[in-house]
Amino acid sequence: MRDIGHYMTRGECSDARIGIHRQNQDRTFTVKRVPSSINDYDPGKHDLPGPGFRLLSKDVAYLKLSSVKEADCTHYVEDAAGTKGLIIDIRNYPSEFVVFALGSHLVENDTEFVRFTEGDLSNPGAFRWTKPLSLNLEEPHYSEKIVILVDESSMSQAEYTTMALRAAHGAIVIGSTTPGRTATSHRSPCPGAFIR
C-alpha cells in the first residue's frame, strides 16, 4: 500500500486507465504513465537528524538505528543509564544488524522472540517449526521504559528488529503501519487491474 501510489503510473509510456472504487462509487481516470527503473523510489527515513545516540533530556535517551553500530550497543545502554525512558527510532533502515547486540541488554531474562518455519521437502506444501531464537540477558541491562518508533519506512530488517526489541518487558511500539516486507519481495505485473 505504501508503494502503490508511486508505482501506479510507472511503466510503458502512454495513457493508462485507472479505476477506483470509493464510498460505493466507481470512478475511472486517464493518467499519463512515466518511465521507471527498479531503484527510482526510496521511502527515505523519518528519524531525527544528528548523532545516532543522544539524550533528549536528562530523563529521555534517543537511539536511531539508521546510524547505529553493533559494536557500540553496550555503550548506548551505558549512556542511557539513569534515564526514565529510551526511544528507539526505527523509522528508517538499520545501518547494522543489532537485534542480539542491543536486544540482549533490554530483556529481563532470556526471552524467545521468533520461530521460523521451513518447508518439508519430503512432504511438499507442508512446513515445520524451527527452534525459537532468543535474546539472552547481558549486562549492562536497561530496565526503564522503552518506546519503539515505526512508520511506513520501517521495512524488512527494521520490522524484524522491531519484533525482537518489543520482547523487552514493557516495551511499546508506536507509529503507523509498516509495509510488512520481512521477506523477499517479487514484482508481478497486473495488466488491466482494477484497484479497490
Protein backbone atom coordinates (compact mmCIF):
# COMPACT_ATOMS: atom_id res chain seq x y z
CA MET A 1 0.00 0.00 0.00
CA ARG A 2 2.89 2.36 0.73
CA ASP A 3 4.37 1.91 -2.74
CA ILE A 4 1.27 1.60 -4.89
CA GLY A 5 0.69 5.34 -5.30
CA HIS A 6 4.21 5.80 -6.56
CA TYR A 7 4.28 2.82 -8.92
CA MET A 8 0.72 3.10 -10.22
CA THR A 9 1.76 5.37 -13.09
CA ARG A 10 5.08 3.65 -13.89
CA GLY A 11 5.53 1.51 -16.98
CA GLU A 12 5.32 1.71 -20.76
CA CYS A 13 4.80 5.39 -21.58
CA SER A 14 1.27 6.02 -22.84
CA ASP A 15 -2.11 6.79 -21.35
CA ALA A 16 -3.48 4.34 -18.84
CA ARG A 17 -6.97 3.99 -17.44
CA ILE A 18 -7.27 3.53 -13.69
CA GLY A 19 -10.46 2.56 -11.91
CA ILE A 20 -11.11 3.40 -8.28
CA HIS A 21 -13.93 2.20 -6.05
CA ARG A 22 -14.54 4.62 -3.17
CA GLN A 23 -17.61 5.23 -1.00
CA ASN A 24 -19.70 2.79 -3.08
CA GLN A 25 -18.89 4.62 -6.31
CA ASP A 26 -16.71 3.57 -9.25
CA ARG A 27 -14.62 6.25 -10.95
CA THR A 28 -12.28 5.93 -13.91
CA PHE A 29 -9.33 8.21 -14.67
CA THR A 30 -6.93 8.50 -17.60
CA VAL A 31 -3.37 9.18 -16.48
CA LYS A 32 -0.02 9.57 -18.21
CA ARG A 33 2.43 6.79 -17.47
CA VAL A 34 6.07 7.64 -16.83
CA PRO A 35 9.23 5.60 -17.33
CA SER A 36 10.57 3.79 -14.32
CA SER A 37 13.56 1.95 -13.05
CA ILE A 38 13.73 -0.62 -10.28
CA ASN A 39 15.51 1.84 -7.97
CA ASP A 40 13.52 5.00 -8.63
CA TYR A 41 11.70 5.07 -5.29
CA ASP A 42 13.12 5.29 -1.82
CA PRO A 43 10.69 5.87 1.05
CA GLY A 44 13.51 7.61 2.92
CA LYS A 45 13.80 7.77 6.65
CA HIS A 46 11.99 9.87 9.17
CA ASP A 47 14.33 9.82 12.13
CA LEU A 48 15.92 12.87 13.74
CA PRO A 49 18.99 14.37 12.09
CA GLY A 50 22.18 14.34 14.11
CA PRO A 51 24.03 11.72 16.13
CA GLY A 52 22.74 8.17 16.44
CA PHE A 53 22.57 8.32 20.24
CA ARG A 54 21.78 11.36 22.36
CA LEU A 55 19.99 12.49 25.47
CA LEU A 56 16.85 14.45 24.57
CA SER A 57 16.65 15.48 28.22
CA LYS A 58 18.09 14.19 31.47
CA ASP A 59 15.24 11.67 31.54
CA VAL A 60 14.95 10.56 27.91
CA ALA A 61 17.56 8.82 25.75
CA TYR A 62 17.18 8.54 21.96
CA LEU A 63 18.75 5.97 19.65
CA LYS A 64 18.15 5.92 15.90
CA LEU A 65 19.00 2.70 14.13
CA SER A 66 19.84 4.32 10.76
CA SER A 67 23.31 5.09 12.12
CA VAL A 68 23.65 2.51 14.89
CA LYS A 69 26.85 0.46 15.25
CA GLU A 70 26.65 -3.11 16.53
CA ALA A 71 29.97 -2.75 18.35
CA ASP A 72 28.64 0.27 20.28
CA CYS A 73 25.39 -1.25 21.59
CA THR A 74 26.81 -1.78 25.09
CA HIS A 75 27.92 1.88 25.16
CA TYR A 76 24.46 3.10 24.09
CA VAL A 77 22.90 1.25 27.02
CA GLU A 78 25.58 2.54 29.43
CA ASP A 79 24.97 6.10 28.22
CA ALA A 80 21.21 5.68 28.69
CA ALA A 81 21.68 4.64 32.34
CA GLY A 82 19.83 6.92 34.73
CA THR A 83 17.18 7.96 32.24
CA LYS A 84 13.50 7.12 32.68
CA GLY A 85 12.96 6.07 29.09
CA LEU A 86 14.70 5.06 25.88
CA ILE A 87 13.26 5.93 22.48
CA ILE A 88 14.47 3.57 19.76
CA ASP A 89 13.74 5.14 16.40
CA ILE A 90 13.30 2.58 13.62
CA ARG A 91 11.55 4.92 11.17
CA ASN A 92 14.43 4.05 8.87
CA TYR A 93 16.52 1.04 7.81
CA PRO A 94 19.08 -0.10 10.41
CA SER A 95 22.66 0.55 9.36
CA GLU A 96 23.76 -2.70 11.01
CA PHE A 97 22.07 -5.84 12.34
CA VAL A 98 21.71 -5.15 16.08
CA VAL A 99 18.88 -7.49 17.11
CA PHE A 100 21.02 -9.52 19.53
CA ALA A 101 23.70 -6.93 20.38
CA LEU A 102 21.10 -4.37 21.51
CA GLY A 103 18.12 -6.58 22.37
CA SER A 104 20.07 -8.65 24.89
CA HIS A 105 20.59 -5.51 27.01
CA LEU A 106 16.85 -4.76 27.08
CA VAL A 107 15.31 -8.06 28.25
CA GLU A 108 15.00 -9.06 31.92
CA ASN A 109 15.79 -12.72 31.26
CA ASP A 110 16.39 -14.99 28.29
CA THR A 111 13.41 -14.25 26.05
CA GLU A 112 12.23 -16.08 22.95
CA PHE A 113 11.06 -13.68 20.25
CA VAL A 114 10.71 -15.59 16.97
CA ARG A 115 10.24 -19.02 15.41
CA PHE A 116 10.58 -19.64 11.70
CA THR A 117 9.04 -22.30 9.52
CA GLU A 118 10.84 -24.28 6.87
CA GLY A 119 9.49 -26.32 4.00
CA ASP A 120 9.33 -30.07 4.41
CA LEU A 121 10.94 -31.37 1.21
CA SER A 122 9.64 -34.89 1.87
CA ASN A 123 6.07 -33.56 2.02
CA PRO A 124 5.59 -30.70 -0.50
CA GLY A 125 3.29 -27.98 0.82
CA ALA A 126 3.98 -28.86 4.46
CA PHE A 127 6.04 -26.72 6.82
CA ARG A 128 7.56 -27.35 10.23
CA TRP A 129 8.62 -25.02 13.02
CA THR A 130 12.29 -24.42 13.74
CA LYS A 131 13.67 -23.89 17.24
CA PRO A 132 12.88 -20.42 18.64
CA LEU A 133 15.52 -17.69 18.73
CA SER A 134 16.08 -15.84 21.99
CA LEU A 135 17.53 -12.63 23.31
CA ASN A 136 19.86 -13.69 26.14
CA LEU A 137 20.20 -11.25 29.03
CA GLU A 138 23.50 -9.35 29.04
CA GLU A 139 24.85 -6.59 31.25
CA PRO A 140 24.54 -3.68 31.38
CA HIS A 141 20.76 -4.05 31.49
CA TYR A 142 18.37 -1.21 30.65
CA SER A 143 15.22 -1.68 32.75
CA GLU A 144 13.29 1.55 32.20
CA LYS A 145 10.54 2.31 29.68
CA ILE A 146 11.26 1.59 26.03
CA VAL A 147 9.37 3.18 23.15
CA ILE A 148 9.98 1.92 19.61
CA LEU A 149 9.02 4.28 16.77
CA VAL A 150 8.00 2.83 13.37
CA ASP A 151 6.29 4.03 10.20
CA GLU A 152 5.94 3.17 6.51
CA SER A 153 9.73 3.40 6.02
CA SER A 154 10.32 0.64 8.61
CA MET A 155 10.63 -2.44 6.43
CA SER A 156 12.33 -5.80 6.33
CA GLN A 157 15.25 -5.75 8.79
CA ALA A 158 13.61 -2.79 10.55
CA GLU A 159 10.41 -4.82 11.10
CA TYR A 160 12.37 -7.85 12.31
CA THR A 161 14.36 -5.65 14.70
CA THR A 162 11.13 -4.10 16.00
CA MET A 163 9.67 -7.55 16.59
CA ALA A 164 12.73 -8.57 18.59
CA LEU A 165 13.06 -5.39 20.66
CA ARG A 166 9.38 -5.32 21.57
CA ALA A 167 10.05 -8.54 23.52
CA ALA A 168 11.64 -6.36 26.21
CA HIS A 169 9.39 -6.10 29.27
CA GLY A 170 7.06 -3.12 28.93
CA ALA A 171 8.34 -2.07 25.50
CA ILE A 172 5.73 -0.35 23.36
CA VAL A 173 5.67 0.13 19.59
CA ILE A 174 4.22 3.44 18.37
CA GLY A 175 3.68 4.75 14.86
CA SER A 176 1.96 3.98 11.59
CA THR A 177 1.60 0.69 9.75
CA THR A 178 4.82 -0.83 8.44
CA PRO A 179 4.98 -2.36 4.94
CA GLY A 180 5.08 -6.00 6.11
CA ARG A 181 8.12 -6.76 3.97
CA THR A 182 10.20 -9.04 6.15
CA ALA A 183 10.82 -11.47 3.32
CA THR A 184 11.99 -11.32 -0.28
CA SER A 185 9.58 -9.37 -2.45
CA HIS A 186 8.77 -10.05 -6.09
CA ARG A 187 7.21 -7.75 -8.69
CA SER A 188 4.20 -9.04 -10.62
CA PRO A 189 2.56 -7.08 -13.43
CA CYS A 190 -1.21 -6.71 -13.16
CA PRO A 191 -2.42 -5.56 -16.59
CA GLY A 192 -5.96 -4.23 -16.57
CA ALA A 193 -6.21 -4.44 -12.78
CA PHE A 194 -8.98 -2.51 -11.07
CA ILE A 195 -7.82 -1.03 -7.76
CA ARG A 196 -10.20 -1.23 -4.80
